Amino acid sequence: QNCHLNLDRKTGYCKGYALVEYEKRSMADDAIKKCHKEDLLGQTIGVEFAFMEGPGGGRGGSGGPRRWDGRRGGGGGGGGRGRGQGRRY
C-alpha cells in the first residue's frame, strides 16, 4: 500500500532501510518469505516486521495506521507526543 524510504538529513543518502505497508497480513508474510535474505544489487537484504499495530497504542493522536484486522489502533484523549516522543520504527 505504502513505501517509505528514510533518508539521512545531513547527507541525503538512504539510511539503509525502508518501511513498506501492506493492506493484508498475508501479503506481508508473502513478501517476507520471498525476499528475506535475497540479493539486491550485491547486498543481502533482511525483511521482517517493524511493528504489528499502529503506533497510536492508546496514547492519543490520530489513531495510527490500520492494524491487520482492519481496525485503527490507539486514538483518544491527546497527549503523549511531546518532544522526543515521536514514532519509532
N, C-alpha and C. Protein backbone atom coordinates (compact mmCIF):
# COMPACT_ATOMS: atom_id res chain seq x y z
N GLN A 1 0.82 -1.17 0.00
CA GLN A 1 0.00 0.00 0.00
C GLN A 1 0.88 1.25 0.00
N ASN A 2 1.84 1.35 0.93
CA ASN A 2 2.74 2.50 1.01
C ASN A 2 4.17 2.02 1.21
N CYS A 3 5.11 2.83 0.76
CA CYS A 3 6.53 2.55 0.96
C CYS A 3 7.20 3.85 1.39
N HIS A 4 7.97 3.80 2.46
CA HIS A 4 8.68 4.98 2.94
C HIS A 4 10.17 4.66 3.01
N LEU A 5 10.96 5.40 2.27
CA LEU A 5 12.41 5.24 2.24
C LEU A 5 13.01 6.38 3.05
N ASN A 6 13.62 6.05 4.17
CA ASN A 6 14.17 7.06 5.07
C ASN A 6 15.53 7.55 4.59
N LEU A 7 15.69 8.86 4.57
CA LEU A 7 16.95 9.49 4.15
C LEU A 7 17.61 10.17 5.33
N ASP A 8 18.93 10.17 5.32
CA ASP A 8 19.71 10.89 6.32
C ASP A 8 19.58 12.38 6.06
N ARG A 9 19.25 13.16 7.07
CA ARG A 9 19.04 14.60 6.89
C ARG A 9 20.31 15.34 6.49
N LYS A 10 21.43 14.90 7.00
CA LYS A 10 22.69 15.60 6.71
C LYS A 10 23.24 15.26 5.33
N THR A 11 23.22 13.98 4.97
CA THR A 11 23.84 13.56 3.71
C THR A 11 22.85 13.45 2.55
N GLY A 12 21.58 13.21 2.85
CA GLY A 12 20.59 12.99 1.81
C GLY A 12 20.58 11.57 1.27
N TYR A 13 21.47 10.72 1.79
CA TYR A 13 21.52 9.33 1.35
C TYR A 13 20.55 8.47 2.15
N CYS A 14 20.17 7.35 1.56
CA CYS A 14 19.30 6.40 2.23
C CYS A 14 19.96 5.88 3.49
N LYS A 15 19.17 5.72 4.56
CA LYS A 15 19.69 5.20 5.81
C LYS A 15 19.93 3.68 5.76
N GLY A 16 19.44 3.04 4.73
CA GLY A 16 19.69 1.61 4.59
C GLY A 16 18.49 0.74 4.88
N TYR A 17 17.33 1.34 5.06
CA TYR A 17 16.13 0.56 5.27
C TYR A 17 14.92 1.29 4.70
N ALA A 18 13.86 0.55 4.52
CA ALA A 18 12.60 1.13 4.04
C ALA A 18 11.47 0.51 4.83
N LEU A 19 10.38 1.23 4.94
CA LEU A 19 9.18 0.72 5.60
C LEU A 19 8.11 0.53 4.53
N VAL A 20 7.56 -0.68 4.45
CA VAL A 20 6.55 -0.99 3.45
C VAL A 20 5.28 -1.42 4.18
N GLU A 21 4.17 -0.80 3.83
CA GLU A 21 2.88 -1.10 4.44
C GLU A 21 2.06 -1.93 3.47
N TYR A 22 1.45 -3.01 3.97
CA TYR A 22 0.61 -3.88 3.16
C TYR A 22 -0.82 -3.81 3.64
N GLU A 23 -1.75 -4.02 2.76
CA GLU A 23 -3.18 -3.99 3.08
C GLU A 23 -3.56 -5.17 3.98
N LYS A 24 -2.97 -6.35 3.71
CA LYS A 24 -3.31 -7.56 4.46
C LYS A 24 -2.04 -8.20 5.00
N ARG A 25 -2.18 -8.85 6.13
CA ARG A 25 -1.03 -9.51 6.74
C ARG A 25 -0.48 -10.61 5.83
N SER A 26 -1.36 -11.31 5.13
CA SER A 26 -0.92 -12.39 4.24
C SER A 26 0.02 -11.86 3.16
N MET A 27 -0.23 -10.64 2.69
CA MET A 27 0.65 -10.03 1.69
C MET A 27 2.03 -9.74 2.29
N ALA A 28 2.05 -9.28 3.53
CA ALA A 28 3.32 -9.01 4.21
C ALA A 28 4.09 -10.31 4.46
N ASP A 29 3.37 -11.34 4.89
CA ASP A 29 4.00 -12.64 5.11
C ASP A 29 4.64 -13.18 3.83
N ASP A 30 3.95 -13.04 2.70
CA ASP A 30 4.48 -13.48 1.41
C ASP A 30 5.75 -12.71 1.05
N ALA A 31 5.75 -11.40 1.28
CA ALA A 31 6.93 -10.58 0.98
C ALA A 31 8.12 -11.01 1.82
N ILE A 32 7.88 -11.32 3.09
CA ILE A 32 8.97 -11.77 3.96
C ILE A 32 9.53 -13.09 3.46
N LYS A 33 8.65 -14.04 3.13
CA LYS A 33 9.09 -15.35 2.66
C LYS A 33 9.89 -15.26 1.36
N LYS A 34 9.45 -14.40 0.45
CA LYS A 34 10.08 -14.30 -0.86
C LYS A 34 11.36 -13.47 -0.87
N CYS A 35 11.45 -12.47 0.01
CA CYS A 35 12.54 -11.50 -0.10
C CYS A 35 13.60 -11.59 0.99
N HIS A 36 13.30 -12.18 2.15
CA HIS A 36 14.28 -12.22 3.24
C HIS A 36 15.53 -13.00 2.82
N LYS A 37 16.67 -12.41 3.04
CA LYS A 37 17.99 -12.98 2.71
C LYS A 37 18.22 -13.13 1.21
N GLU A 38 17.51 -12.35 0.40
CA GLU A 38 17.74 -12.35 -1.05
C GLU A 38 18.79 -11.29 -1.40
N ASP A 39 19.37 -11.42 -2.59
CA ASP A 39 20.37 -10.48 -3.06
C ASP A 39 19.70 -9.32 -3.80
N LEU A 40 20.09 -8.09 -3.45
CA LEU A 40 19.59 -6.89 -4.12
C LEU A 40 20.79 -5.99 -4.38
N LEU A 41 21.16 -5.87 -5.64
CA LEU A 41 22.30 -5.03 -6.04
C LEU A 41 23.58 -5.39 -5.28
N GLY A 42 23.81 -6.68 -5.13
CA GLY A 42 25.03 -7.15 -4.48
C GLY A 42 24.99 -7.16 -2.97
N GLN A 43 23.85 -6.85 -2.38
CA GLN A 43 23.71 -6.85 -0.92
C GLN A 43 22.62 -7.84 -0.52
N THR A 44 22.84 -8.56 0.57
CA THR A 44 21.82 -9.44 1.11
C THR A 44 20.88 -8.61 1.96
N ILE A 45 19.59 -8.68 1.65
CA ILE A 45 18.62 -7.87 2.39
C ILE A 45 17.90 -8.71 3.44
N GLY A 46 17.48 -8.04 4.50
CA GLY A 46 16.67 -8.66 5.54
C GLY A 46 15.29 -8.05 5.51
N VAL A 47 14.27 -8.89 5.55
CA VAL A 47 12.89 -8.42 5.51
C VAL A 47 12.17 -9.00 6.72
N GLU A 48 11.61 -8.11 7.55
CA GLU A 48 10.90 -8.56 8.74
C GLU A 48 9.89 -7.49 9.16
N PHE A 49 9.05 -7.82 10.14
CA PHE A 49 8.06 -6.87 10.62
C PHE A 49 8.74 -5.78 11.45
N ALA A 50 8.32 -4.53 11.23
CA ALA A 50 8.79 -3.43 12.06
C ALA A 50 7.86 -3.27 13.26
N PHE A 51 6.56 -3.40 13.03
CA PHE A 51 5.56 -3.38 14.09
C PHE A 51 4.29 -3.99 13.56
N MET A 52 3.46 -4.46 14.48
CA MET A 52 2.23 -5.15 14.09
C MET A 52 1.01 -4.27 14.20
N GLU A 53 1.03 -3.26 15.07
CA GLU A 53 -0.11 -2.37 15.24
C GLU A 53 0.31 -0.96 14.94
N GLY A 54 -0.67 -0.11 14.76
CA GLY A 54 -0.39 1.31 14.58
C GLY A 54 0.29 1.87 15.80
N PRO A 55 1.12 2.90 15.64
CA PRO A 55 1.87 3.46 16.76
C PRO A 55 1.02 4.23 17.75
N GLY A 56 -0.30 4.41 17.52
CA GLY A 56 -1.16 5.15 18.45
C GLY A 56 -1.19 4.51 19.83
N GLY A 57 -1.51 3.22 19.87
CA GLY A 57 -1.43 2.44 21.10
C GLY A 57 -2.17 3.01 22.29
N GLY A 58 -3.16 3.86 22.08
CA GLY A 58 -3.93 4.38 23.19
C GLY A 58 -3.33 5.62 23.84
N ARG A 59 -2.21 6.14 23.32
CA ARG A 59 -1.55 7.29 23.93
C ARG A 59 -2.06 8.61 23.38
N GLY A 60 -3.03 8.59 22.52
CA GLY A 60 -3.51 9.83 21.92
C GLY A 60 -3.15 9.87 20.46
N GLY A 61 -3.37 10.99 19.83
CA GLY A 61 -3.05 11.13 18.42
C GLY A 61 -4.20 10.69 17.53
N SER A 62 -3.90 10.50 16.27
CA SER A 62 -4.95 10.24 15.29
C SER A 62 -5.33 8.77 15.19
N GLY A 63 -4.69 7.92 15.93
CA GLY A 63 -5.06 6.51 15.88
C GLY A 63 -4.11 5.65 15.07
N GLY A 64 -3.21 6.25 14.31
CA GLY A 64 -2.20 5.49 13.60
C GLY A 64 -2.73 4.68 12.44
N PRO A 65 -1.85 3.94 11.78
CA PRO A 65 -2.25 3.15 10.62
C PRO A 65 -3.15 1.98 11.00
N ARG A 66 -3.78 1.40 9.99
CA ARG A 66 -4.67 0.28 10.24
C ARG A 66 -3.90 -0.94 10.73
N ARG A 67 -4.55 -1.67 11.62
CA ARG A 67 -3.96 -2.91 12.09
C ARG A 67 -4.32 -4.02 11.11
N TRP A 68 -3.79 -5.22 11.34
CA TRP A 68 -4.02 -6.33 10.42
C TRP A 68 -5.48 -6.73 10.36
N ASP A 69 -6.26 -6.44 11.40
CA ASP A 69 -7.68 -6.81 11.37
C ASP A 69 -8.54 -5.70 10.77
N GLY A 70 -7.92 -4.64 10.23
CA GLY A 70 -8.65 -3.59 9.54
C GLY A 70 -9.09 -2.44 10.43
N ARG A 71 -8.99 -2.59 11.76
CA ARG A 71 -9.38 -1.50 12.66
C ARG A 71 -8.20 -0.56 12.86
N ARG A 72 -8.48 0.63 13.33
CA ARG A 72 -7.40 1.57 13.66
C ARG A 72 -7.02 1.39 15.12
N GLY A 73 -5.72 1.46 15.40
CA GLY A 73 -5.25 1.31 16.77
C GLY A 73 -5.17 2.66 17.46
N GLY A 74 -5.21 2.64 18.77
CA GLY A 74 -4.96 3.84 19.56
C GLY A 74 -6.04 4.89 19.46
N GLY A 75 -5.60 6.12 19.37
CA GLY A 75 -6.54 7.24 19.34
C GLY A 75 -6.91 7.65 20.76
N GLY A 76 -7.69 8.70 20.86
CA GLY A 76 -8.17 9.04 22.18
C GLY A 76 -7.82 10.42 22.62
N GLY A 77 -7.53 10.55 23.91
CA GLY A 77 -7.53 11.83 24.60
C GLY A 77 -6.30 12.70 24.47
N GLY A 78 -5.59 12.67 23.38
CA GLY A 78 -4.47 13.59 23.18
C GLY A 78 -3.25 13.25 24.00
N GLY A 79 -2.26 14.12 23.96
CA GLY A 79 -1.05 13.94 24.75
C GLY A 79 -0.14 12.87 24.20
N GLY A 80 0.97 12.66 24.87
CA GLY A 80 1.87 11.56 24.57
C GLY A 80 2.91 11.81 23.50
N ARG A 81 2.79 12.82 22.69
CA ARG A 81 3.76 13.00 21.61
C ARG A 81 4.51 14.32 21.75
N GLY A 82 5.05 14.56 22.90
CA GLY A 82 5.86 15.76 23.10
C GLY A 82 7.21 15.59 22.44
N ARG A 83 8.11 16.49 22.70
CA ARG A 83 9.44 16.44 22.10
C ARG A 83 10.14 15.14 22.47
N GLY A 84 10.68 14.48 21.45
CA GLY A 84 11.42 13.24 21.70
C GLY A 84 10.54 12.01 21.85
N GLN A 85 9.24 12.14 21.66
CA GLN A 85 8.36 11.00 21.84
C GLN A 85 7.69 10.61 20.53
N GLY A 86 8.34 10.83 19.42
CA GLY A 86 7.76 10.52 18.12
C GLY A 86 7.71 9.03 17.86
N ARG A 87 7.29 8.68 16.67
CA ARG A 87 7.19 7.28 16.29
C ARG A 87 8.57 6.65 16.19
N ARG A 88 8.66 5.41 16.59
CA ARG A 88 9.91 4.68 16.46
C ARG A 88 9.69 3.50 15.55
N TYR A 89 10.50 3.40 14.52
CA TYR A 89 10.37 2.31 13.56
C TYR A 89 11.52 1.42 13.74
